[in-house]
Amino acid sequence: PGLCTLALLSSTTNDPAGAEGSDSSGDEAPLLLPDERAVAETTGRGTVVLEAISRADPDRPATRMGGRGAPLAQIFSRRLRWSALGFALAAVALVVASLLTTEDTALHSAYLTLLDLLGMNDPAEDAPPARQIIQILSGVAGLLLLPLLIAAVLEAFGTLRTASSLRRPPRGLSGHVVLLGLGKIGTRVLVRLRELDIPVVVVEEDPEARGIPLARSMHVPTVIGDVTQEGVLEAAKIRRAHALLALTSIDTTNLEATLYARSVKPDLRVALRLYDDEFATAVYRTLRTAHPQALTRSRSVSHLAAPSFAVAMMGRQILGAVPVERKVMLFAALEVAGHPQLEGHTVEQAFRAGAWRVLAIDATPPADRNPDLAALPPFDPEGDATPPPSGLVWD
């Protein structure tokens, strides 16, 4: 399936005791840009394929965790809401009892019950015994109204006072992602997680980190503290988390947090950022050996960014970089003119297995071309029925 096969994954990817492919993996390394013969001869290996998709819901806003959809849930605690519901049910029960034991109308029974709850009605001295019993029960229920109102006022005041501060992880949170670090990389990952509507809890040591204002504006639960200290990961609900992303700029912090998280939850999915690629490979193999049933990923950011930086220094427009296990596949835009390997050749003739491949041709007239192919074309969801075509002809 797909337009073409971009990569063949290493043969050890699905082996719990194996290692991810890297530049020094020999025959077991992932194969980038294979030809059709290599794809046909390979069996049992995962593939990375190119697919064409359409842009849907262009005006769909990014969702917020604990957004504005349920304001009462943000202002009042669950215990207070249950208490208010219990009081309302008790009041309804008193009104029904008054209807069944007296000949009053529903409106008049509700009116008398409300006065009894608020303690504003006269004693029913000459009324039937049933009416007197209902009045006593209403008075007892009314005594519970005052502490309920006081609790509601205090909780609302506390919520308004902390509206501009960072949220704490809510009780009962589970299946979320714990993100360590809100630097440049951590902030970009946080934005992407929220765009995908994935629940996330952030742990950051520096309260003045660059991503803290973003986390506050997105209402993301945040724990301020040193992740290597006891109780910090517990505050992020690591025992009920789905995955851990250790993305701080300090290798020892990422590694220590990962080891502790795995000791708490052995099957926790982990992805950690490390500087040196050889060290990242060694850490990956060690963690896979210690926890073979848990998904582990370690990446060297400098190793992944180096190819993009080198190609950009040559004046090429980098559209993206996709890591394929421990290798990197670059997507770039360039002019065919001046390149003898491309100029005057068809797409099939220009293909070099393992080196480069033409994925699309920009058929737009030069004067109308988008200078940045990585950016989406402008689209007005109110005025445009469908997104404008990109002008790219795909292989």
Protein backbone atom coordinates (compact mmCIF):
# COMPACT_ATOMS: atom_id res chain seq x y z
CA PRO A 1 0.00 0.00 0.00
CA GLY A 2 1.03 3.62 -0.46
CA LEU A 3 2.65 5.55 -3.28
CA CYS A 4 6.09 4.07 -2.65
CA THR A 5 8.20 2.39 0.03
CA LEU A 6 10.54 4.84 1.74
CA ALA A 7 12.32 2.49 4.13
CA LEU A 8 12.59 -1.10 5.31
CA LEU A 9 12.88 -1.46 9.07
CA SER A 10 15.58 -3.62 10.62
CA SER A 11 14.91 -7.33 10.94
CA THR A 12 15.29 -7.14 14.74
CA THR A 13 12.61 -4.54 15.38
CA ASN A 14 10.03 -7.08 16.53
CA ASP A 15 12.54 -9.15 18.51
CA PRO A 16 12.36 -8.16 22.22
CA ALA A 17 15.98 -9.21 22.73
CA GLY A 18 17.25 -7.46 19.62
CA ALA A 19 18.55 -3.98 19.02
CA GLU A 20 17.29 -1.20 16.83
CA GLY A 21 19.07 -0.78 13.58
CA SER A 22 21.73 1.91 13.33
CA ASP A 23 24.44 2.98 10.93
CA SER A 24 26.68 0.16 12.18
CA SER A 25 24.12 -2.65 12.23
CA GLY A 26 25.33 -4.32 9.03
CA ASP A 27 22.69 -6.36 7.24
CA GLU A 28 20.24 -5.78 10.09
CA ALA A 29 20.21 -2.00 9.65
CA PRO A 30 17.12 -0.26 8.29
CA LEU A 31 17.30 0.26 4.54
CA LEU A 32 16.40 3.75 3.34
CA LEU A 33 14.91 4.35 -0.12
CA PRO A 34 14.98 0.73 -1.33
CA ASP A 35 14.19 -0.19 -4.92
CA GLU A 36 11.29 -2.41 -5.94
CA ARG A 37 13.46 -5.52 -6.13
CA ALA A 38 14.69 -5.10 -2.55
CA VAL A 39 11.13 -4.59 -1.33
CA ALA A 40 9.90 -7.67 -3.20
CA GLU A 41 12.73 -9.87 -1.88
CA THR A 42 12.25 -8.78 1.72
CA THR A 43 9.71 -10.55 3.91
CA GLY A 44 8.86 -10.14 7.56
CA ARG A 45 10.21 -6.60 7.90
CA GLY A 46 8.24 -3.48 8.66
CA THR A 47 8.04 -0.72 6.09
CA VAL A 48 7.70 3.05 5.97
CA VAL A 49 5.52 4.03 3.02
CA LEU A 50 4.44 7.31 1.46
CA GLU A 51 0.71 7.95 1.43
CA ALA A 52 -1.33 10.88 0.13
CA ILE A 53 -3.87 12.25 2.58
CA SER A 54 -6.27 15.17 2.41
CA ARG A 55 -6.49 17.93 4.94
CA ALA A 56 -9.71 17.56 6.93
CA ASP A 57 -11.34 19.86 9.50
CA PRO A 58 -9.05 22.85 8.77
CA ASP A 59 -10.87 25.04 11.24
CA ARG A 60 -10.84 22.47 14.05
CA PRO A 61 -9.27 24.18 17.06
CA ALA A 62 -6.78 22.41 19.25
CA THR A 63 -8.47 20.95 22.25
CA ARG A 64 -7.46 21.72 25.78
CA MET A 65 -7.13 19.27 28.59
CA GLY A 66 -9.78 20.26 31.06
CA GLY A 67 -10.93 23.04 28.74
CA ARG A 68 -14.05 25.14 28.87
CA GLY A 69 -16.44 22.34 28.04
CA ALA A 70 -17.27 21.63 31.70
CA PRO A 71 -16.80 24.82 33.80
CA LEU A 72 -18.49 23.35 36.89
CA ALA A 73 -15.99 20.53 36.93
CA GLN A 74 -13.18 23.09 37.00
CA ILE A 75 -14.66 25.31 39.71
CA PHE A 76 -16.25 22.80 42.09
CA SER A 77 -14.84 19.49 43.26
CA ARG A 78 -16.59 16.21 42.61
CA ARG A 79 -17.36 15.79 46.32
CA LEU A 80 -19.10 19.16 46.45
CA ARG A 81 -21.11 18.41 43.31
CA TRP A 82 -22.28 15.10 44.76
CA SER A 83 -23.26 16.86 47.99
CA ALA A 84 -25.28 19.44 46.06
CA LEU A 85 -27.00 16.67 44.11
CA GLY A 86 -27.87 14.88 47.34
CA PHE A 87 -29.35 18.03 48.84
CA ALA A 88 -31.43 18.63 45.69
CA LEU A 89 -32.75 15.06 45.78
CA ALA A 90 -33.64 15.47 49.46
CA ALA A 91 -35.58 18.66 48.66
CA VAL A 92 -37.45 16.91 45.85
CA ALA A 93 -38.27 14.01 48.17
CA LEU A 94 -39.70 16.44 50.75
CA VAL A 95 -41.87 18.10 48.09
CA VAL A 96 -43.18 14.70 46.95
CA ALA A 97 -43.89 13.70 50.56
CA SER A 98 -45.79 16.94 51.09
CA LEU A 99 -47.87 16.24 47.98
CA LEU A 100 -48.72 12.73 49.14
CA THR A 101 -49.68 13.69 52.70
CA THR A 102 -51.48 16.99 52.10
CA GLU A 103 -54.01 18.30 49.62
CA ASP A 104 -51.81 21.20 48.50
CA THR A 105 -50.87 21.81 44.89
CA ALA A 106 -47.38 21.03 43.63
CA LEU A 107 -46.43 24.71 43.46
CA HIS A 108 -47.66 25.44 46.98
CA SER A 109 -45.94 22.33 48.39
CA ALA A 110 -42.65 23.36 46.79
CA TYR A 111 -43.08 26.89 48.17
CA LEU A 112 -43.67 25.66 51.74
CA THR A 113 -40.77 23.19 51.52
CA LEU A 114 -38.43 25.94 50.36
CA LEU A 115 -39.49 28.17 53.27
CA ASP A 116 -38.92 25.30 55.69
CA LEU A 117 -35.47 24.59 54.25
CA LEU A 118 -34.48 28.23 54.65
CA GLY A 119 -36.02 28.45 58.14
CA MET A 120 -38.40 31.23 57.07
CA ASN A 121 -41.74 29.48 57.66
CA ASP A 122 -43.88 29.66 60.81
CA PRO A 123 -44.15 26.53 62.96
CA ALA A 124 -46.99 24.27 61.79
CA GLU A 125 -48.61 24.01 65.24
CA ASP A 126 -52.18 23.53 64.04
CA ALA A 127 -51.27 21.44 60.97
CA PRO A 128 -51.69 17.67 60.69
CA PRO A 129 -48.91 15.49 62.13
CA ALA A 130 -47.65 14.61 58.66
CA ARG A 131 -47.11 18.28 57.88
CA GLN A 132 -45.28 18.80 61.16
CA ILE A 133 -42.96 15.83 60.50
CA ILE A 134 -42.17 17.13 57.01
CA GLN A 135 -41.40 20.57 58.45
CA ILE A 136 -38.98 19.06 60.99
CA LEU A 137 -37.23 17.03 58.29
CA SER A 138 -37.03 20.13 56.10
CA GLY A 139 -35.44 22.07 58.95
CA VAL A 140 -32.82 19.35 59.47
CA ALA A 141 -32.05 19.31 55.75
CA GLY A 142 -31.86 23.09 55.77
CA LEU A 143 -29.08 22.90 58.38
CA LEU A 144 -26.95 21.14 55.75
CA LEU A 145 -27.45 23.96 53.25
CA LEU A 146 -25.28 26.52 55.06
CA PRO A 147 -22.03 24.49 55.11
CA LEU A 148 -22.70 23.50 51.50
CA LEU A 149 -22.94 27.14 50.44
CA ILE A 150 -19.83 28.07 52.41
CA ALA A 151 -17.87 25.24 50.78
CA ALA A 152 -19.05 26.35 47.34
CA VAL A 153 -17.95 29.94 47.97
CA LEU A 154 -14.53 28.86 49.27
CA GLU A 155 -13.91 26.51 46.36
CA ALA A 156 -14.98 29.11 43.81
CA PHE A 157 -12.72 31.69 45.45
CA GLY A 158 -9.80 29.27 45.45
CA THR A 159 -10.37 28.40 41.80
CA LEU A 160 -10.47 32.05 40.75
CA ARG A 161 -7.34 32.80 42.74
CA THR A 162 -5.42 29.98 41.08
CA ALA A 163 -6.85 30.54 37.59
CA SER A 164 -3.61 32.19 36.49
CA SER A 165 -1.38 29.59 38.14
CA LEU A 166 -0.36 26.14 36.99
CA ARG A 167 -2.82 23.29 37.32
CA ARG A 168 -2.10 20.28 39.46
CA PRO A 169 -2.67 16.77 38.09
CA PRO A 170 -6.30 15.90 38.80
CA ARG A 171 -7.29 12.98 40.96
CA GLY A 172 -8.00 9.76 39.14
CA LEU A 173 -5.92 10.74 36.10
CA SER A 174 -4.69 7.71 34.15
CA GLY A 175 -3.56 6.77 30.65
CA HIS A 176 -1.67 10.04 30.23
CA VAL A 177 1.83 10.95 29.06
CA VAL A 178 4.38 12.33 31.52
CA LEU A 179 6.60 14.91 29.81
CA LEU A 180 9.88 15.87 31.50
CA GLY A 181 11.29 19.25 30.54
CA LEU A 182 9.78 22.34 28.96
CA GLY A 183 12.74 23.61 27.02
CA LYS A 184 12.75 24.14 23.27
CA ILE A 185 12.16 20.49 22.41
CA GLY A 186 9.80 19.77 25.29
CA THR A 187 7.65 22.77 24.40
CA ARG A 188 7.28 21.66 20.78
CA VAL A 189 6.40 18.14 21.89
CA LEU A 190 3.80 19.56 24.30
CA VAL A 191 2.14 21.52 21.49
CA ARG A 192 2.03 18.43 19.30
CA LEU A 193 0.57 16.27 22.07
CA ARG A 194 -2.21 18.78 22.70
CA GLU A 195 -2.94 19.02 18.96
CA LEU A 196 -3.45 15.25 19.01
CA ASP A 197 -5.66 15.60 22.09
CA ILE A 198 -3.38 13.37 24.19
CA PRO A 199 -3.62 13.93 27.97
CA VAL A 200 -0.26 15.02 29.33
CA VAL A 201 1.30 15.99 32.66
CA VAL A 202 4.43 18.14 32.59
CA VAL A 203 7.30 17.97 35.09
CA GLU A 204 9.69 20.95 35.06
CA GLU A 205 12.32 21.98 37.60
CA ASP A 206 12.63 25.62 36.54
CA PRO A 207 9.44 27.66 37.18
CA GLU A 208 10.74 30.22 34.65
CA ALA A 209 11.27 27.74 31.81
CA ARG A 210 10.28 28.88 28.33
CA GLY A 211 7.37 26.45 28.11
CA ILE A 212 5.75 27.32 31.45
CA PRO A 213 3.59 30.18 30.06
CA LEU A 214 2.38 27.88 27.29
CA ALA A 215 1.49 25.13 29.76
CA ARG A 216 -0.40 27.69 31.86
CA SER A 217 -2.34 29.02 28.87
CA MET A 218 -3.24 25.50 27.72
CA HIS A 219 -4.30 24.47 31.25
CA VAL A 220 -1.88 21.53 31.22
CA PRO A 221 -1.29 19.94 34.64
CA THR A 222 2.26 20.81 35.70
CA VAL A 223 4.47 19.65 38.54
CA ILE A 224 7.31 22.00 39.50
CA GLY A 225 10.21 20.10 41.03
CA ASP A 226 13.36 18.10 40.49
CA VAL A 227 12.35 14.85 38.84
CA THR A 228 15.20 13.04 40.57
CA GLN A 229 13.75 13.86 43.99
CA GLU A 230 11.38 11.47 45.70
CA GLY A 231 7.69 12.15 45.22
CA VAL A 232 7.92 14.28 42.06
CA LEU A 233 7.08 11.52 39.59
CA GLU A 234 4.46 10.22 42.00
CA ALA A 235 2.83 13.67 41.89
CA ALA A 236 2.67 13.29 38.10
CA LYS A 237 0.75 10.01 38.55
CA ILE A 238 3.53 7.96 36.99
CA ARG A 239 2.01 4.70 38.26
CA ARG A 240 -1.06 5.23 36.06
CA ALA A 241 0.73 6.88 33.13
CA HIS A 242 0.80 5.41 29.64
CA ALA A 243 4.24 6.69 28.62
CA LEU A 244 7.19 8.78 29.80
CA LEU A 245 8.99 11.31 27.58
CA ALA A 246 12.28 12.36 29.22
CA LEU A 247 13.29 15.40 27.16
CA THR A 248 15.41 17.52 29.48
CA SER A 249 18.81 18.72 28.29
CA ILE A 250 20.64 16.74 31.01
CA ASP A 251 21.38 13.11 30.16
CA THR A 252 21.77 11.98 33.76
CA THR A 253 18.39 13.45 34.69
CA ASN A 254 16.65 11.71 31.81
CA LEU A 255 18.32 8.40 32.56
CA GLU A 256 17.70 8.56 36.31
CA ALA A 257 14.05 9.46 35.79
CA THR A 258 13.64 6.60 33.32
CA LEU A 259 15.20 4.04 35.64
CA TYR A 260 13.04 5.15 38.55
CA ALA A 261 9.88 5.18 36.44
CA ARG A 262 10.62 1.65 35.22
CA SER A 263 11.15 0.51 38.82
CA VAL A 264 7.69 1.85 39.67
CA LYS A 265 5.97 0.59 36.50
CA PRO A 266 8.03 -1.99 34.58
CA ASP A 267 5.79 -1.98 31.48
CA LEU A 268 5.88 1.82 31.09
CA ARG A 269 6.61 3.07 27.57
CA VAL A 270 9.71 5.27 27.62
CA ALA A 271 11.37 7.64 25.17
CA LEU A 272 14.41 9.54 26.40
CA ARG A 273 16.61 12.20 24.92
CA LEU A 274 20.38 11.76 25.06
CA TYR A 275 23.23 13.72 23.52
CA ASP A 276 25.63 11.05 22.28
CA ASP A 277 24.25 8.52 19.80
CA GLU A 278 26.52 5.69 20.92
CA PHE A 279 25.47 6.23 24.52
CA ALA A 280 21.83 6.35 23.43
CA THR A 281 22.27 3.02 21.64
CA ALA A 282 23.87 1.44 24.72
CA VAL A 283 21.08 2.74 26.96
CA TYR A 284 18.46 1.39 24.58
CA ARG A 285 19.96 -2.09 24.54
CA THR A 286 20.34 -2.15 28.33
CA LEU A 287 16.76 -1.07 28.96
CA ARG A 288 15.40 -3.53 26.38
CA THR A 289 17.32 -6.34 28.06
CA ALA A 290 16.10 -5.38 31.53
CA HIS A 291 12.48 -4.85 30.41
CA PRO A 292 11.95 -6.86 27.20
CA GLN A 293 8.16 -6.47 27.21
CA ALA A 294 8.21 -2.66 27.50
CA LEU A 295 8.60 -0.29 24.57
CA THR A 296 11.83 1.71 24.83
CA ARG A 297 13.19 4.44 22.59
CA SER A 298 16.35 6.53 23.06
CA ARG A 299 17.35 9.25 20.65
CA SER A 300 20.31 11.56 20.24
CA VAL A 301 18.91 14.95 19.29
CA SER A 302 22.24 16.15 17.92
CA HIS A 303 22.55 13.01 15.78
CA LEU A 304 19.05 13.48 14.36
CA ALA A 305 19.51 17.21 13.73
CA ALA A 306 22.98 17.02 12.15
CA PRO A 307 21.86 15.94 8.64
CA SER A 308 19.21 18.65 8.45
CA PHE A 309 21.70 21.28 9.59
CA ALA A 310 24.31 20.16 7.07
CA VAL A 311 21.88 20.17 4.15
CA ALA A 312 20.46 23.55 5.17
CA MET A 313 24.00 24.98 5.17
CA MET A 314 24.22 23.91 1.51
CA GLY A 315 21.26 26.16 0.69
CA ARG A 316 18.63 23.46 0.38
CA GLN A 317 15.08 23.95 1.63
CA ILE A 318 14.47 21.30 4.29
CA LEU A 319 10.83 20.22 4.41
CA GLY A 320 11.24 17.72 7.21
CA ALA A 321 13.32 14.99 8.78
CA VAL A 322 11.87 11.60 9.68
CA PRO A 323 13.83 9.31 12.00
CA VAL A 324 13.80 5.70 10.85
CA GLU A 325 15.01 3.82 13.91
CA ARG A 326 18.51 5.25 14.39
CA LYS A 327 18.83 6.71 10.90
CA VAL A 328 17.41 9.94 9.48
CA MET A 329 15.52 10.46 6.23
CA LEU A 330 15.53 14.02 4.90
CA PHE A 331 12.86 15.65 2.74
CA ALA A 332 14.09 18.65 0.76
CA ALA A 333 12.95 20.87 -2.12
CA LEU A 334 15.40 21.86 -4.85
CA GLU A 335 15.50 23.22 -8.38
CA VAL A 336 16.14 20.59 -11.05
CA ALA A 337 18.11 23.03 -13.20
CA GLY A 338 21.83 22.67 -12.63
CA HIS A 339 21.67 19.10 -11.33
CA PRO A 340 22.80 16.67 -14.05
CA GLN A 341 21.54 13.70 -12.00
CA LEU A 342 18.00 15.09 -12.31
CA GLU A 343 17.84 17.44 -15.30
CA GLY A 344 16.64 15.76 -18.47
CA HIS A 345 15.67 12.51 -16.74
CA THR A 346 12.35 10.97 -15.87
CA VAL A 347 11.40 10.36 -12.26
CA GLU A 348 12.24 6.67 -12.62
CA GLN A 349 15.59 7.39 -14.27
CA ALA A 350 16.56 9.90 -11.57
CA PHE A 351 15.96 7.44 -8.74
CA ARG A 352 19.08 6.21 -6.92
CA ALA A 353 18.35 3.46 -4.39
CA GLY A 354 19.70 4.31 -0.96
CA ALA A 355 20.62 7.86 -2.00
CA TRP A 356 17.69 9.96 -3.24
CA ARG A 357 14.24 9.67 -4.73
CA VAL A 358 11.92 12.18 -6.38
CA LEU A 359 8.61 12.08 -4.53
CA ALA A 360 6.75 14.95 -6.19
CA ILE A 361 7.10 17.61 -8.86
CA ASP A 362 5.86 21.15 -8.37
CA ALA A 363 3.88 21.82 -11.56
CA THR A 364 2.88 25.33 -10.48
CA PRO A 365 4.16 28.17 -12.70
CA PRO A 366 7.36 29.68 -11.22
CA ALA A 367 5.67 33.02 -10.52
CA ASP A 368 2.89 31.36 -8.51
CA ARG A 369 4.93 28.86 -6.54
CA ASN A 370 4.82 28.78 -2.78
CA PRO A 371 8.27 29.75 -1.47
CA ASP A 372 7.82 27.46 1.53
CA LEU A 373 6.43 24.07 0.55
CA ALA A 374 6.42 22.98 4.18
CA ALA A 375 3.73 25.56 4.97
CA LEU A 376 0.07 24.84 4.30
CA PRO A 377 -1.54 26.96 1.57
CA PRO A 378 -3.83 29.72 2.85
CA PHE A 379 -7.36 28.51 3.42
CA ASP A 380 -10.46 30.37 4.60
CA PRO A 381 -12.95 27.80 5.97
CA GLU A 382 -15.80 30.32 5.69
CA GLY A 383 -15.16 31.49 2.15
CA ASP A 384 -13.52 28.46 0.54
CA ALA A 385 -15.50 25.29 0.00
CA THR A 386 -12.41 23.08 -0.29
CA PRO A 387 -8.71 23.63 0.43
CA PRO A 388 -6.78 24.93 -2.60
CA PRO A 389 -4.66 22.39 -4.49
CA SER A 390 -0.97 22.31 -3.65
CA GLY A 391 0.18 22.05 -7.26
CA LEU A 392 2.37 19.02 -6.51
CA VAL A 393 2.31 16.01 -8.82
CA TRP A 394 3.08 12.89 -6.81
CA ASP A 395 4.96 9.92 -8.16
